[in-house]
N, C-alpha and C. Protein backbone atom coordinates (compact mmCIF):
# COMPACT_ATOMS: atom_id res chain seq x y z
N SER A 1 0.82 -1.21 0.00
CA SER A 1 0.00 0.00 0.00
C SER A 1 0.86 1.26 0.00
N LYS A 2 1.98 1.23 0.73
CA LYS A 2 2.85 2.41 0.77
C LYS A 2 3.50 2.66 -0.58
N ALA A 3 3.98 1.59 -1.22
CA ALA A 3 4.58 1.73 -2.55
C ALA A 3 3.55 2.21 -3.56
N ALA A 4 2.33 1.68 -3.46
CA ALA A 4 1.27 2.11 -4.37
C ALA A 4 0.95 3.60 -4.18
N ALA A 5 0.93 4.04 -2.92
CA ALA A 5 0.67 5.46 -2.64
C ALA A 5 1.73 6.34 -3.28
N GLU A 6 3.00 5.93 -3.20
CA GLU A 6 4.07 6.73 -3.79
C GLU A 6 3.96 6.78 -5.31
N LEU A 7 3.54 5.68 -5.93
CA LEU A 7 3.35 5.66 -7.39
C LEU A 7 2.22 6.61 -7.80
N ILE A 8 1.16 6.63 -7.01
CA ILE A 8 0.04 7.54 -7.31
C ILE A 8 0.48 8.99 -7.17
N ILE A 9 1.21 9.30 -6.09
CA ILE A 9 1.69 10.67 -5.88
C ILE A 9 2.62 11.10 -7.00
N ALA A 10 3.54 10.21 -7.39
CA ALA A 10 4.49 10.53 -8.46
C ALA A 10 3.75 10.77 -9.78
N SER A 11 2.72 9.97 -10.05
CA SER A 11 1.94 10.13 -11.27
C SER A 11 1.17 11.46 -11.24
N TYR A 12 0.58 11.78 -10.11
CA TYR A 12 -0.16 13.04 -9.94
C TYR A 12 0.77 14.24 -10.14
N ARG A 13 1.97 14.15 -9.54
CA ARG A 13 2.94 15.23 -9.66
C ARG A 13 3.38 15.41 -11.12
N ALA A 14 3.68 14.31 -11.80
CA ALA A 14 4.14 14.38 -13.19
C ALA A 14 3.04 14.88 -14.13
N SER A 15 1.79 14.58 -13.80
CA SER A 15 0.67 14.94 -14.67
C SER A 15 0.24 16.40 -14.52
N PHE A 16 0.31 16.93 -13.31
CA PHE A 16 -0.30 18.24 -13.07
C PHE A 16 0.63 19.31 -12.50
N PHE A 17 1.84 18.93 -12.02
CA PHE A 17 2.67 19.91 -11.31
C PHE A 17 4.09 20.01 -11.84
N CYS A 18 4.32 19.59 -13.09
CA CYS A 18 5.68 19.65 -13.63
C CYS A 18 6.20 21.09 -13.69
N ASP A 19 5.41 21.99 -14.24
CA ASP A 19 5.81 23.40 -14.38
C ASP A 19 4.86 24.29 -13.60
N HIS A 20 4.61 23.92 -12.39
CA HIS A 20 3.63 24.61 -11.56
C HIS A 20 4.34 25.23 -10.36
N PRO A 21 3.89 26.42 -9.90
CA PRO A 21 4.53 27.03 -8.72
C PRO A 21 4.38 26.21 -7.45
N VAL A 22 3.34 25.38 -7.38
CA VAL A 22 3.17 24.50 -6.22
C VAL A 22 4.08 23.29 -6.39
N LYS A 23 4.91 23.02 -5.40
CA LYS A 23 5.85 21.90 -5.45
C LYS A 23 5.32 20.75 -4.59
N VAL A 24 5.32 19.55 -5.12
CA VAL A 24 4.73 18.40 -4.44
C VAL A 24 5.81 17.39 -4.07
N ALA A 25 5.92 17.09 -2.79
CA ALA A 25 6.79 16.02 -2.29
C ALA A 25 5.96 15.17 -1.33
N SER A 26 6.41 13.96 -1.07
CA SER A 26 5.73 13.11 -0.09
C SER A 26 6.70 12.75 1.02
N ALA A 27 6.16 12.52 2.21
CA ALA A 27 7.01 12.24 3.37
C ALA A 27 6.38 11.14 4.21
N ARG A 28 7.24 10.31 4.78
CA ARG A 28 6.78 9.17 5.56
C ARG A 28 7.63 9.07 6.83
N ALA A 29 7.02 8.61 7.92
CA ALA A 29 7.71 8.53 9.21
C ALA A 29 7.88 7.08 9.64
N GLY A 30 8.75 6.89 10.63
CA GLY A 30 8.87 5.60 11.29
C GLY A 30 7.72 5.40 12.27
N ASN A 31 7.90 4.50 13.22
CA ASN A 31 6.86 4.26 14.23
C ASN A 31 6.94 5.34 15.30
N VAL A 32 5.94 6.20 15.32
CA VAL A 32 5.97 7.41 16.13
C VAL A 32 5.46 7.15 17.54
N ILE A 33 6.21 7.68 18.52
CA ILE A 33 5.76 7.69 19.91
C ILE A 33 5.80 9.13 20.40
N GLY A 34 5.16 9.40 21.54
CA GLY A 34 5.17 10.76 22.07
C GLY A 34 3.86 11.07 22.77
N GLY A 35 3.85 12.15 23.50
CA GLY A 35 2.67 12.53 24.26
C GLY A 35 1.48 12.86 23.39
N GLY A 36 0.28 12.61 23.93
CA GLY A 36 -0.94 12.99 23.25
C GLY A 36 -1.59 11.90 22.43
N ASP A 37 -0.96 10.74 22.36
CA ASP A 37 -1.54 9.62 21.61
C ASP A 37 -2.41 8.81 22.57
N TRP A 38 -3.70 8.78 22.31
CA TRP A 38 -4.63 8.03 23.16
C TRP A 38 -5.31 6.90 22.39
N ALA A 39 -4.77 6.56 21.21
CA ALA A 39 -5.42 5.56 20.36
C ALA A 39 -5.43 4.18 21.02
N LYS A 40 -6.46 3.42 20.72
CA LYS A 40 -6.60 2.10 21.28
C LYS A 40 -5.69 1.11 20.56
N ASP A 41 -5.19 0.12 21.30
CA ASP A 41 -4.37 -0.96 20.75
C ASP A 41 -3.08 -0.44 20.12
N ARG A 42 -2.49 0.56 20.73
CA ARG A 42 -1.14 1.03 20.37
C ARG A 42 -0.28 0.87 21.61
N ILE A 43 0.95 0.44 21.41
CA ILE A 43 1.75 -0.04 22.54
C ILE A 43 2.01 1.05 23.58
N VAL A 44 2.37 2.25 23.18
CA VAL A 44 2.68 3.27 24.19
C VAL A 44 1.44 3.72 24.95
N PRO A 45 0.33 4.07 24.28
CA PRO A 45 -0.88 4.40 25.06
C PRO A 45 -1.32 3.25 25.96
N ASP A 46 -1.16 2.00 25.49
CA ASP A 46 -1.51 0.85 26.34
C ASP A 46 -0.61 0.81 27.58
N CYS A 47 0.69 1.07 27.38
CA CYS A 47 1.62 1.11 28.52
C CYS A 47 1.20 2.18 29.52
N MET A 48 0.91 3.37 29.02
CA MET A 48 0.59 4.49 29.90
C MET A 48 -0.70 4.23 30.68
N ALA A 49 -1.70 3.68 29.99
CA ALA A 49 -2.97 3.39 30.65
C ALA A 49 -2.79 2.35 31.75
N ALA A 50 -2.00 1.30 31.47
CA ALA A 50 -1.78 0.26 32.46
C ALA A 50 -1.01 0.80 33.66
N LEU A 51 0.02 1.59 33.40
CA LEU A 51 0.85 2.12 34.49
C LEU A 51 0.05 3.08 35.37
N GLN A 52 -0.80 3.88 34.77
CA GLN A 52 -1.62 4.80 35.55
C GLN A 52 -2.57 4.03 36.48
N LYS A 53 -3.04 2.87 36.03
CA LYS A 53 -3.94 2.05 36.85
C LYS A 53 -3.19 1.07 37.75
N LYS A 54 -1.84 1.08 37.64
CA LYS A 54 -0.99 0.14 38.39
C LYS A 54 -1.32 -1.31 38.04
N GLU A 55 -1.56 -1.50 36.74
CA GLU A 55 -1.83 -2.83 36.22
C GLU A 55 -0.67 -3.28 35.34
N PRO A 56 -0.52 -4.58 35.08
CA PRO A 56 0.55 -5.04 34.20
C PRO A 56 0.29 -4.61 32.75
N ILE A 57 1.38 -4.33 32.03
CA ILE A 57 1.28 -4.03 30.61
C ILE A 57 1.16 -5.35 29.85
N LEU A 58 0.13 -5.49 29.03
CA LEU A 58 -0.09 -6.71 28.27
C LEU A 58 0.55 -6.56 26.89
N VAL A 59 1.56 -7.37 26.61
CA VAL A 59 2.34 -7.24 25.38
C VAL A 59 1.99 -8.40 24.45
N ARG A 60 1.53 -8.06 23.24
CA ARG A 60 1.04 -9.09 22.32
C ARG A 60 2.11 -9.60 21.36
N ASN A 61 3.08 -8.78 21.01
CA ASN A 61 4.04 -9.16 19.97
C ASN A 61 5.42 -8.66 20.37
N ARG A 62 6.00 -9.24 21.40
CA ARG A 62 7.19 -8.68 22.04
C ARG A 62 8.42 -8.72 21.16
N ARG A 63 8.47 -9.61 20.17
CA ARG A 63 9.67 -9.74 19.35
C ARG A 63 9.64 -8.87 18.09
N ALA A 64 8.53 -8.23 17.81
CA ALA A 64 8.44 -7.38 16.62
C ALA A 64 9.39 -6.18 16.77
N THR A 65 10.14 -5.89 15.73
CA THR A 65 11.12 -4.80 15.75
C THR A 65 10.61 -3.65 14.89
N ARG A 66 10.69 -2.44 15.46
CA ARG A 66 10.19 -1.26 14.77
C ARG A 66 11.18 -0.09 14.90
N PRO A 67 11.16 0.85 13.94
CA PRO A 67 12.01 2.04 14.03
C PRO A 67 11.32 3.12 14.87
N TRP A 68 11.48 3.04 16.18
CA TRP A 68 10.78 3.95 17.09
C TRP A 68 11.38 5.36 17.03
N GLN A 69 10.55 6.37 16.99
CA GLN A 69 11.02 7.76 17.00
C GLN A 69 9.99 8.65 17.68
N HIS A 70 10.48 9.72 18.30
CA HIS A 70 9.56 10.69 18.92
C HIS A 70 8.84 11.46 17.83
N VAL A 71 7.59 11.81 18.09
CA VAL A 71 6.75 12.47 17.10
C VAL A 71 7.37 13.78 16.59
N LEU A 72 8.17 14.46 17.41
CA LEU A 72 8.76 15.72 16.96
C LEU A 72 9.81 15.52 15.87
N GLU A 73 10.37 14.32 15.75
CA GLU A 73 11.38 14.06 14.73
C GLU A 73 10.81 14.17 13.31
N PRO A 74 9.79 13.39 12.95
CA PRO A 74 9.27 13.55 11.60
C PRO A 74 8.63 14.92 11.36
N LEU A 75 8.05 15.51 12.42
CA LEU A 75 7.48 16.84 12.24
C LEU A 75 8.55 17.85 11.84
N SER A 76 9.72 17.77 12.45
CA SER A 76 10.81 18.68 12.05
C SER A 76 11.20 18.42 10.61
N GLY A 77 11.20 17.15 10.19
CA GLY A 77 11.53 16.82 8.81
C GLY A 77 10.49 17.32 7.83
N TYR A 78 9.22 17.13 8.16
CA TYR A 78 8.16 17.59 7.26
C TYR A 78 8.23 19.11 7.06
N LEU A 79 8.40 19.83 8.17
CA LEU A 79 8.43 21.29 8.10
C LEU A 79 9.66 21.79 7.34
N TRP A 80 10.80 21.13 7.56
CA TRP A 80 12.02 21.55 6.87
C TRP A 80 11.93 21.23 5.38
N LEU A 81 11.35 20.11 5.02
CA LEU A 81 11.14 19.78 3.61
C LEU A 81 10.25 20.82 2.95
N ALA A 82 9.15 21.20 3.61
CA ALA A 82 8.25 22.20 3.06
C ALA A 82 8.94 23.55 2.91
N ALA A 83 9.72 23.94 3.93
CA ALA A 83 10.43 25.22 3.87
C ALA A 83 11.46 25.23 2.75
N THR A 84 12.12 24.10 2.56
CA THR A 84 13.14 24.00 1.52
C THR A 84 12.51 24.08 0.14
N LEU A 85 11.37 23.42 -0.03
CA LEU A 85 10.65 23.50 -1.30
C LEU A 85 10.17 24.93 -1.59
N ALA A 86 9.72 25.63 -0.56
CA ALA A 86 9.08 26.93 -0.74
C ALA A 86 10.06 28.08 -0.88
N ASN A 87 11.25 27.95 -0.28
CA ASN A 87 12.16 29.09 -0.21
C ASN A 87 13.48 28.76 -0.91
N PRO A 88 13.77 29.41 -2.04
CA PRO A 88 14.99 29.09 -2.79
C PRO A 88 16.28 29.26 -2.00
N LYS A 89 16.30 30.14 -0.99
CA LYS A 89 17.54 30.37 -0.26
C LYS A 89 17.95 29.17 0.58
N PHE A 90 17.01 28.27 0.85
CA PHE A 90 17.33 27.07 1.62
C PHE A 90 17.80 25.92 0.74
N ARG A 91 17.60 26.03 -0.57
CA ARG A 91 17.87 24.90 -1.45
C ARG A 91 19.36 24.74 -1.75
N ARG A 92 19.83 23.52 -1.59
CA ARG A 92 21.20 23.17 -1.96
C ARG A 92 21.21 22.13 -3.07
N VAL A 93 20.04 21.69 -3.49
CA VAL A 93 19.92 20.69 -4.54
C VAL A 93 18.84 21.14 -5.52
N ASP A 94 18.80 20.51 -6.69
CA ASP A 94 17.81 20.84 -7.70
C ASP A 94 16.41 20.44 -7.24
N LEU A 95 15.42 21.18 -7.71
CA LEU A 95 14.04 20.89 -7.34
C LEU A 95 13.58 19.48 -7.70
N PRO A 96 13.95 18.92 -8.86
CA PRO A 96 13.49 17.56 -9.16
C PRO A 96 13.88 16.55 -8.08
N ALA A 97 15.02 16.75 -7.45
CA ALA A 97 15.42 15.83 -6.39
C ALA A 97 14.58 16.03 -5.13
N LEU A 98 14.10 17.26 -4.91
CA LEU A 98 13.31 17.56 -3.72
C LEU A 98 11.85 17.20 -3.90
N THR A 99 11.34 17.33 -5.13
CA THR A 99 9.93 16.98 -5.37
C THR A 99 9.83 15.48 -5.59
N SER A 100 9.97 14.76 -4.51
CA SER A 100 10.00 13.29 -4.57
C SER A 100 9.62 12.76 -3.19
N ALA A 101 9.93 11.50 -2.93
CA ALA A 101 9.54 10.85 -1.67
C ALA A 101 10.68 10.90 -0.66
N PHE A 102 10.34 11.16 0.61
CA PHE A 102 11.32 11.22 1.69
C PHE A 102 10.85 10.38 2.88
N ASN A 103 11.82 9.76 3.54
CA ASN A 103 11.58 9.08 4.81
C ASN A 103 12.23 9.87 5.92
N PHE A 104 11.53 10.02 7.04
CA PHE A 104 12.08 10.63 8.24
C PHE A 104 11.96 9.62 9.38
N GLY A 105 13.07 9.03 9.74
CA GLY A 105 13.07 7.99 10.77
C GLY A 105 14.27 8.10 11.67
N PRO A 106 14.39 7.20 12.64
CA PRO A 106 15.48 7.26 13.62
C PRO A 106 16.75 6.61 13.10
N ASP A 107 17.84 6.79 13.85
CA ASP A 107 19.06 6.04 13.58
C ASP A 107 18.78 4.56 13.79
N HIS A 108 19.64 3.72 13.25
CA HIS A 108 19.42 2.27 13.34
C HIS A 108 19.43 1.77 14.78
N GLU A 109 20.10 2.49 15.69
CA GLU A 109 20.12 2.04 17.08
C GLU A 109 18.74 2.09 17.72
N SER A 110 17.83 2.83 17.09
CA SER A 110 16.46 2.91 17.62
C SER A 110 15.55 1.85 17.03
N ASN A 111 16.08 0.98 16.18
CA ASN A 111 15.30 -0.17 15.71
C ASN A 111 15.31 -1.21 16.83
N ARG A 112 14.27 -1.22 17.64
CA ARG A 112 14.21 -2.07 18.83
C ARG A 112 12.94 -2.91 18.82
N THR A 113 12.98 -3.99 19.58
CA THR A 113 11.80 -4.83 19.71
C THR A 113 10.77 -4.15 20.63
N VAL A 114 9.55 -4.64 20.53
CA VAL A 114 8.49 -4.16 21.43
C VAL A 114 8.88 -4.42 22.87
N GLU A 115 9.49 -5.56 23.13
CA GLU A 115 9.93 -5.87 24.49
C GLU A 115 10.94 -4.84 24.99
N GLU A 116 11.90 -4.46 24.15
CA GLU A 116 12.89 -3.46 24.55
C GLU A 116 12.22 -2.12 24.80
N LEU A 117 11.23 -1.78 23.98
CA LEU A 117 10.51 -0.52 24.19
C LEU A 117 9.81 -0.52 25.54
N VAL A 118 9.12 -1.61 25.85
CA VAL A 118 8.39 -1.69 27.12
C VAL A 118 9.35 -1.64 28.30
N GLU A 119 10.48 -2.34 28.20
CA GLU A 119 11.48 -2.31 29.27
C GLU A 119 12.02 -0.90 29.47
N GLU A 120 12.20 -0.16 28.37
CA GLU A 120 12.68 1.22 28.47
C GLU A 120 11.63 2.11 29.13
N VAL A 121 10.37 1.89 28.80
CA VAL A 121 9.29 2.62 29.45
C VAL A 121 9.33 2.39 30.96
N LEU A 122 9.55 1.14 31.35
CA LEU A 122 9.54 0.80 32.78
C LEU A 122 10.75 1.35 33.52
N ARG A 123 11.80 1.71 32.81
CA ARG A 123 12.94 2.38 33.46
C ARG A 123 12.55 3.80 33.89
N ASN A 124 11.55 4.36 33.23
CA ASN A 124 11.11 5.72 33.52
C ASN A 124 9.83 5.78 34.34
N TRP A 125 9.10 4.66 34.37
CA TRP A 125 7.86 4.59 35.15
C TRP A 125 7.75 3.15 35.64
N PRO A 126 8.16 2.87 36.86
CA PRO A 126 8.22 1.49 37.35
C PRO A 126 6.89 0.77 37.28
N GLY A 127 6.97 -0.48 36.91
CA GLY A 127 5.80 -1.35 36.80
C GLY A 127 6.25 -2.70 36.28
N HIS A 128 5.34 -3.46 35.68
CA HIS A 128 5.74 -4.73 35.11
C HIS A 128 4.86 -5.06 33.90
N TRP A 129 5.30 -6.03 33.10
CA TRP A 129 4.55 -6.40 31.91
C TRP A 129 4.37 -7.91 31.85
N GLN A 130 3.39 -8.33 31.06
CA GLN A 130 3.11 -9.75 30.86
C GLN A 130 3.07 -10.07 29.38
N ASP A 131 3.64 -11.22 29.04
CA ASP A 131 3.65 -11.67 27.65
C ASP A 131 2.28 -12.27 27.33
N LYS A 132 1.56 -11.64 26.42
CA LYS A 132 0.25 -12.13 25.99
C LYS A 132 0.25 -12.47 24.50
N SER A 133 1.37 -13.02 24.04
CA SER A 133 1.47 -13.40 22.64
C SER A 133 0.41 -14.43 22.29
N ASN A 134 -0.16 -14.28 21.11
CA ASN A 134 -1.19 -15.20 20.64
C ASN A 134 -0.75 -15.79 19.30
N PRO A 135 -0.41 -17.06 19.26
CA PRO A 135 0.06 -17.66 18.00
C PRO A 135 -0.98 -17.64 16.89
N ASN A 136 -2.24 -17.44 17.24
CA ASN A 136 -3.32 -17.43 16.24
C ASN A 136 -3.72 -16.02 15.82
N ALA A 137 -2.98 -15.02 16.32
CA ALA A 137 -3.31 -13.64 15.98
C ALA A 137 -2.97 -13.37 14.51
N PRO A 138 -3.62 -12.37 13.88
CA PRO A 138 -3.29 -12.01 12.49
C PRO A 138 -1.81 -11.69 12.36
N HIS A 139 -1.24 -12.04 11.20
CA HIS A 139 0.20 -11.86 10.98
C HIS A 139 0.58 -10.39 11.02
N GLU A 140 1.70 -10.11 11.69
CA GLU A 140 2.30 -8.79 11.72
C GLU A 140 3.74 -8.92 11.30
N ALA A 141 4.25 -7.97 10.52
CA ALA A 141 5.65 -8.03 10.10
C ALA A 141 6.55 -8.04 11.32
N GLY A 142 7.54 -8.93 11.33
CA GLY A 142 8.45 -9.02 12.47
C GLY A 142 9.47 -7.92 12.50
N LEU A 143 9.87 -7.41 11.33
CA LEU A 143 10.93 -6.40 11.25
C LEU A 143 10.53 -5.31 10.27
N LEU A 144 10.52 -4.07 10.73
CA LEU A 144 10.33 -2.91 9.86
C LEU A 144 11.51 -1.97 10.05
N GLN A 145 12.06 -1.48 8.94
CA GLN A 145 13.14 -0.51 8.99
C GLN A 145 12.86 0.60 7.99
N LEU A 146 13.52 1.72 8.17
CA LEU A 146 13.28 2.88 7.33
C LEU A 146 14.62 3.51 6.97
N SER A 147 14.87 3.69 5.67
CA SER A 147 16.11 4.34 5.23
C SER A 147 15.90 5.84 5.15
N THR A 148 16.74 6.59 5.86
CA THR A 148 16.64 8.06 5.85
C THR A 148 17.84 8.69 5.15
N ASP A 149 18.56 7.90 4.37
CA ASP A 149 19.78 8.41 3.72
C ASP A 149 19.48 9.62 2.85
N LYS A 150 18.36 9.59 2.14
CA LYS A 150 18.02 10.69 1.23
C LYS A 150 17.77 11.99 1.99
N ALA A 151 17.00 11.92 3.07
CA ALA A 151 16.73 13.12 3.87
C ALA A 151 18.02 13.67 4.47
N CYS A 152 18.90 12.78 4.91
CA CYS A 152 20.17 13.22 5.49
C CYS A 152 21.05 13.87 4.44
N ALA A 153 21.09 13.30 3.22
CA ALA A 153 21.99 13.80 2.19
C ALA A 153 21.48 15.10 1.55
N LEU A 154 20.19 15.15 1.21
CA LEU A 154 19.67 16.30 0.49
C LEU A 154 19.23 17.44 1.39
N LEU A 155 18.67 17.11 2.55
CA LEU A 155 18.15 18.14 3.45
C LEU A 155 19.06 18.39 4.65
N ARG A 156 20.04 17.54 4.82
CA ARG A 156 20.93 17.56 6.00
C ARG A 156 20.10 17.45 7.28
N TRP A 157 19.02 16.71 7.18
CA TRP A 157 18.18 16.42 8.34
C TRP A 157 18.75 15.22 9.08
N ARG A 158 18.56 15.19 10.37
CA ARG A 158 18.93 14.02 11.18
C ARG A 158 18.11 14.02 12.45
N PRO A 159 17.89 12.85 13.05
CA PRO A 159 17.14 12.81 14.31
C PRO A 159 17.91 13.47 15.44
N VAL A 160 17.18 13.94 16.41
CA VAL A 160 17.76 14.68 17.55
C VAL A 160 17.85 13.81 18.79
N TRP A 161 16.76 13.17 19.15
CA TRP A 161 16.72 12.35 20.37
C TRP A 161 16.96 10.89 20.03
N ASN A 162 17.83 10.23 20.78
CA ASN A 162 18.04 8.80 20.58
C ASN A 162 16.88 8.01 21.20
N PHE A 163 16.97 6.69 21.14
CA PHE A 163 15.88 5.84 21.60
C PHE A 163 15.53 6.10 23.07
N SER A 164 16.54 6.11 23.93
CA SER A 164 16.29 6.30 25.36
C SER A 164 15.69 7.67 25.65
N GLU A 165 16.19 8.70 24.96
CA GLU A 165 15.66 10.05 25.16
C GLU A 165 14.22 10.15 24.67
N ALA A 166 13.92 9.54 23.52
CA ALA A 166 12.57 9.58 22.97
C ALA A 166 11.57 8.93 23.92
N VAL A 167 11.95 7.78 24.49
CA VAL A 167 11.06 7.10 25.42
C VAL A 167 10.92 7.92 26.71
N ALA A 168 12.03 8.45 27.22
CA ALA A 168 11.99 9.23 28.45
C ALA A 168 11.09 10.45 28.30
N LYS A 169 11.20 11.15 27.18
CA LYS A 169 10.37 12.34 26.96
C LYS A 169 8.90 11.96 26.79
N THR A 170 8.66 10.81 26.20
CA THR A 170 7.28 10.34 26.04
C THR A 170 6.65 10.05 27.41
N VAL A 171 7.36 9.30 28.23
CA VAL A 171 6.85 8.97 29.56
C VAL A 171 6.71 10.23 30.40
N GLU A 172 7.67 11.12 30.28
CA GLU A 172 7.62 12.38 31.03
C GLU A 172 6.34 13.15 30.71
N TRP A 173 5.96 13.18 29.43
CA TRP A 173 4.75 13.91 29.02
C TRP A 173 3.52 13.28 29.67
N TYR A 174 3.40 11.96 29.57
CA TYR A 174 2.20 11.29 30.10
C TYR A 174 2.11 11.42 31.62
N ARG A 175 3.23 11.30 32.30
CA ARG A 175 3.20 11.41 33.76
C ARG A 175 2.77 12.82 34.18
N ALA A 176 3.31 13.82 33.47
CA ALA A 176 2.91 15.20 33.78
C ALA A 176 1.45 15.44 33.41
N ALA A 177 1.03 14.88 32.27
CA ALA A 177 -0.34 15.09 31.79
C ALA A 177 -1.38 14.49 32.72
N SER A 178 -1.00 13.44 33.44
CA SER A 178 -1.96 12.80 34.34
C SER A 178 -2.38 13.71 35.48
N ARG A 179 -1.62 14.80 35.70
CA ARG A 179 -1.96 15.75 36.77
C ARG A 179 -2.63 17.02 36.24
N LEU A 180 -2.81 17.09 34.92
CA LEU A 180 -3.35 18.30 34.31
C LEU A 180 -4.85 18.17 34.05
N ARG A 181 -5.51 19.33 33.90
CA ARG A 181 -6.96 19.32 33.70
C ARG A 181 -7.42 20.19 32.53
N THR A 182 -6.73 21.28 32.24
CA THR A 182 -7.22 22.22 31.23
C THR A 182 -6.41 22.11 29.94
N ALA A 183 -7.05 22.55 28.85
CA ALA A 183 -6.39 22.55 27.54
C ALA A 183 -5.15 23.43 27.56
N ARG A 184 -5.22 24.53 28.29
CA ARG A 184 -4.06 25.43 28.36
C ARG A 184 -2.87 24.75 29.03
N GLU A 185 -3.13 23.94 30.03
CA GLU A 185 -2.05 23.23 30.71
C GLU A 185 -1.42 22.19 29.78
N PHE A 186 -2.25 21.48 29.03
CA PHE A 186 -1.73 20.51 28.07
C PHE A 186 -0.89 21.20 27.00
N GLN A 187 -1.37 22.35 26.55
CA GLN A 187 -0.64 23.10 25.53
C GLN A 187 0.72 23.55 26.06
N ALA A 188 0.74 24.03 27.29
CA ALA A 188 2.01 24.48 27.89
C ALA A 188 3.00 23.33 28.03
N LEU A 189 2.51 22.16 28.42
CA LEU A 189 3.38 20.99 28.55
C LEU A 189 3.98 20.61 27.19
N THR A 190 3.14 20.60 26.17
CA THR A 190 3.62 20.24 24.84
C THR A 190 4.59 21.26 24.30
N ARG A 191 4.30 22.53 24.49
CA ARG A 191 5.22 23.58 24.04
C ARG A 191 6.57 23.48 24.77
N GLN A 192 6.54 23.09 26.03
CA GLN A 192 7.78 22.92 26.78
C GLN A 192 8.66 21.84 26.13
N GLN A 193 8.04 20.73 25.73
CA GLN A 193 8.83 19.67 25.09
C GLN A 193 9.30 20.09 23.70
N ILE A 194 8.49 20.83 22.97
CA ILE A 194 8.93 21.34 21.67
C ILE A 194 10.15 22.24 21.85
N ASP A 195 10.12 23.08 22.89
CA ASP A 195 11.24 23.97 23.17
C ASP A 195 12.50 23.18 23.53
N GLN A 196 12.34 22.13 24.33
CA GLN A 196 13.49 21.28 24.69
C GLN A 196 14.08 20.61 23.45
N TYR A 197 13.20 20.10 22.61
CA TYR A 197 13.64 19.44 21.38
C TYR A 197 14.39 20.43 20.47
N SER A 198 13.82 21.62 20.30
CA SER A 198 14.43 22.63 19.43
C SER A 198 15.79 23.09 19.94
N LYS A 199 15.91 23.24 21.24
CA LYS A 199 17.19 23.64 21.82
C LYS A 199 18.24 22.56 21.62
N HIS A 200 17.84 21.29 21.78
CA HIS A 200 18.77 20.18 21.55
C HIS A 200 19.19 20.17 20.09
N ALA A 201 18.23 20.35 19.18
CA ALA A 201 18.56 20.40 17.75
C ALA A 201 19.49 21.57 17.44
N GLY A 202 19.27 22.71 18.11
CA GLY A 202 20.14 23.86 17.90
C GLY A 202 21.56 23.59 18.35
N SER A 203 21.72 22.84 19.44
CA SER A 203 23.07 22.51 19.91
C SER A 203 23.79 21.60 18.92
N LEU A 204 23.03 20.88 18.09
CA LEU A 204 23.62 20.04 17.04
C LEU A 204 23.82 20.80 15.74
N ARG A 205 23.40 22.07 15.74
CA ARG A 205 23.54 22.97 14.59
C ARG A 205 22.84 22.39 13.35
N LEU A 206 21.67 21.86 13.54
CA LEU A 206 20.90 21.36 12.41
C LEU A 206 20.38 22.54 11.58
N PRO A 207 20.26 22.37 10.27
CA PRO A 207 20.00 23.52 9.38
C PRO A 207 18.66 24.21 9.61
N TRP A 208 17.67 23.51 10.17
CA TRP A 208 16.37 24.15 10.37
C TRP A 208 16.31 24.96 11.66
N THR A 209 17.36 24.98 12.44
CA THR A 209 17.39 25.74 13.71
C THR A 209 18.06 27.09 13.52
N SER A 210 17.89 27.94 14.53
CA SER A 210 18.52 29.26 14.45
C SER A 210 20.04 29.19 14.50
N ASN A 211 20.58 28.07 14.99
CA ASN A 211 22.03 27.88 15.02
C ASN A 211 22.57 27.20 13.76
N GLY A 212 21.66 26.77 12.87
CA GLY A 212 22.09 26.08 11.67
C GLY A 212 22.64 27.07 10.64
N LYS A 213 23.45 26.57 9.75
CA LYS A 213 24.11 27.44 8.77
C LYS A 213 23.19 27.86 7.63
N SER A 214 22.01 27.23 7.52
CA SER A 214 21.12 27.56 6.42
C SER A 214 20.32 28.83 6.67
N LYS A 215 20.39 29.35 7.92
CA LYS A 215 19.63 30.57 8.21
C LYS A 215 20.58 31.70 8.52
């Protein structure tokens, strides 16, 4: 389905936007974690809900490996790709190379199993988990990886937080959020983490930050 989506986007771009002021690129992320995700049957929200109730975390597919990344990582990539497409002063490569498909994912060290993710969560919020693997469950891919070489080479983008930092910031958000009540408080908490992420990125002199050489 992902490959088919990229073929459709490429066909749409070639048919209608070859010589058009609107520039079309596509972007894809790894397995995103971070505060604010309350979806059902997702491993991090399930962990947070169980820990808040002081119940065991029920893990269905502990050996599955995924490219875990904090939600702010692909967002920084999406915004930087859009800015680069829109503003000629940011471009270091030809537009045809930019009007294409990009992946924004973590370093390979963040390709971890579900079990490793849960154990990392428990280092930041003590509790325990139980293996609830079901051999009759619908098939899930055991290994997913994402190549970000193109984003790194053309946009000079790179992830900011490593695996441990991404998990720690995720747990930190949920623990703080459990004490909040108003939308303004949630917004302030999220803005605080965005500020922390941006400052860390600035210390790495990434091009989309005020300390980067592209500005």
